[in-house]
Structures are given as C-alpha cells and as structure tokens.
C-alpha cells in the first residue's frame, strides 16, 4: 500500500523555524519526485526530484529547503524565517497519493 505520512508541524512566531517530514512507503521512493503543497487549494511549495534536484515556489525561495533521505524513504522541508502567510496544512504528494497533512501556524 502506497502511503505518505507527514509530521513536524506546529505553532511558531514569525521568524521562527520548523522542519516537516514525510515518511513514504509502498513504492520505489528513490525513483520518484515528491512534492510539498500547502492548504486546501493545494498550493505548490517545493519539489524534491529523483535526481536530488530541488524546486521552489517564488514565495519560499531562500527561506525553505527541501531534502530527501532515500535510505529512510523520507523527504523533509526545512522552513526558516516563517511568515503568517506560510500558515496552513502542509501535504506531501507523489503522483495521485496524498498524506493526511501536518498543520503549520505562524502567528505572533
């Protein structure tokens, strides 16, 4: 069974940091691109490619870093200098598979 499980969300003040994790199972993790999205509208945030490339939405460039550990079947999203507009439910995605999401709240 293909499954994605996110964790690491929480509440922080503006300027704070969080690291999200997405544990994958049930497919050949290292061969696929995985993505992070935010919110019910599924706004794309960042991607980790199978070739260890990274892509970012303009709104998070320079503040967020996506990485992956193929041995652990896990991708990460390091979020620094968080802003209130970064708040939302963050989802990990592969093909048509979505995790349950992890909530990030940024407020003073």
Protein backbone atom coordinates (compact mmCIF):
# COMPACT_ATOMS: atom_id res chain seq x y z
CA UNK A 1 0.00 0.00 0.00
CA UNK A 2 1.39 3.35 -1.05
CA UNK A 3 1.36 5.72 1.90
CA UNK A 4 2.69 9.15 2.85
CA UNK A 5 2.74 10.33 6.46
CA UNK A 6 3.65 13.90 7.34
CA UNK A 7 4.83 15.16 10.70
CA UNK A 8 6.62 18.08 12.29
CA UNK A 9 4.01 20.81 12.13
CA UNK A 10 3.34 23.18 14.98
CA UNK A 11 2.85 26.77 16.06
CA UNK A 12 5.65 29.31 15.87
CA UNK A 13 6.08 33.04 15.93
CA UNK A 14 7.00 34.97 12.79
CA UNK A 15 10.68 34.50 12.06
CA UNK A 16 10.69 31.06 13.59
CA UNK A 17 11.59 27.72 12.05
CA UNK A 18 10.06 24.28 11.63
CA UNK A 19 11.11 21.11 9.86
CA UNK A 20 8.46 18.92 8.30
CA UNK A 21 8.98 15.26 7.47
CA UNK A 22 7.17 12.97 5.05
CA UNK A 23 7.67 9.24 5.54
CA UNK A 24 6.87 7.23 2.41
CA UNK A 25 6.15 3.54 2.00
CA UNK A 26 4.88 1.12 -0.60
CA UNK A 27 6.77 2.32 -3.68
CA UNK A 28 10.28 2.82 -5.01
CA UNK A 29 10.89 6.08 -3.23
CA UNK A 30 14.28 6.93 -4.71
CA UNK A 31 12.97 6.80 -8.28
CA UNK A 32 10.25 9.41 -7.93
CA UNK A 33 9.75 13.10 -7.48
CA UNK A 34 7.90 14.18 -4.36
CA UNK A 35 6.25 17.50 -3.68
CA UNK A 36 5.08 19.63 -0.80
CA UNK A 37 1.81 21.54 -1.03
CA UNK A 38 0.00 23.88 1.33
CA UNK A 39 -3.65 24.39 2.03
CA UNK A 40 -6.95 23.11 0.73
CA UNK A 41 -6.21 24.77 -2.60
CA UNK A 42 -3.06 22.65 -2.85
CA UNK A 43 -0.66 25.49 -3.48
CA UNK A 44 2.65 24.01 -4.57
CA UNK A 45 5.55 24.83 -2.25
CA UNK A 46 8.57 22.74 -3.23
CA UNK A 47 9.68 19.59 -5.01
CA UNK A 48 12.41 17.04 -4.47
CA UNK A 49 13.34 15.23 -7.65
CA UNK A 50 14.66 11.70 -8.05
CA UNK A 51 17.96 13.18 -9.22
CA UNK A 52 18.30 15.13 -5.97
CA UNK A 53 17.22 18.33 -7.63
CA UNK A 54 15.06 20.88 -5.84
CA UNK A 55 12.44 23.35 -6.98
CA UNK A 56 10.70 26.09 -5.00
CA UNK A 57 7.78 28.41 -5.30
CA UNK A 58 8.92 32.03 -5.51
CA UNK A 59 7.24 32.81 -2.19
CA UNK A 60 9.53 30.43 -0.27
CA UNK A 61 12.83 30.70 -2.15
CA UNK A 62 15.69 31.47 0.19
CA UNK A 63 13.65 30.51 3.26
CA UNK A 64 12.66 26.88 2.70
CA UNK A 65 14.88 23.92 1.89
CA UNK A 66 13.61 20.57 0.67
CA UNK A 67 15.78 17.48 1.04
CA UNK A 68 15.43 13.72 0.95
CA UNK A 69 16.95 10.66 2.56
CA UNK A 70 16.46 7.73 0.22
CA UNK A 71 17.68 5.26 2.85
CA UNK A 72 14.87 6.37 5.17
CA UNK A 73 12.26 6.90 2.41
CA UNK A 74 11.73 10.38 3.80
CA UNK A 75 11.65 13.90 2.47
CA UNK A 76 11.99 16.99 4.61
CA UNK A 77 11.00 20.62 4.39
CA UNK A 78 13.15 22.93 6.47
CA UNK A 79 11.26 26.20 6.89
CA UNK A 80 13.08 29.27 8.17
CA UNK A 81 12.02 32.85 8.69
CA UNK A 82 8.40 31.79 8.73
CA UNK A 83 5.69 34.32 7.95
CA UNK A 84 1.99 34.30 8.85
CA UNK A 85 1.13 33.64 5.20
CA UNK A 86 3.05 30.36 5.43
CA UNK A 87 0.36 29.03 7.75
CA UNK A 88 -1.69 26.10 6.55
CA UNK A 89 -1.97 22.37 6.26
CA UNK A 90 1.13 21.03 4.53
CA UNK A 91 0.78 17.93 2.39
CA UNK A 92 3.31 15.59 0.87
CA UNK A 93 2.44 14.28 -2.61
CA UNK A 94 3.57 11.60 -5.02
CA UNK A 95 1.60 11.01 -8.25
CA UNK A 96 -2.04 10.88 -7.03
CA UNK A 97 -1.15 9.92 -3.47
CA UNK A 98 -1.50 12.44 -0.64
CA UNK A 99 -0.69 12.29 3.02
CA UNK A 100 -3.03 13.47 5.76
CA UNK A 101 -1.15 16.72 6.20
CA UNK A 102 0.54 18.47 9.10
CA UNK A 103 -0.59 21.87 10.36
CA UNK A 104 1.71 24.87 10.47
CA UNK A 105 0.56 28.01 12.25
CA UNK A 106 2.64 31.18 12.25
CA UNK A 107 1.34 33.94 14.48
CA UNK A 108 2.64 36.49 16.97
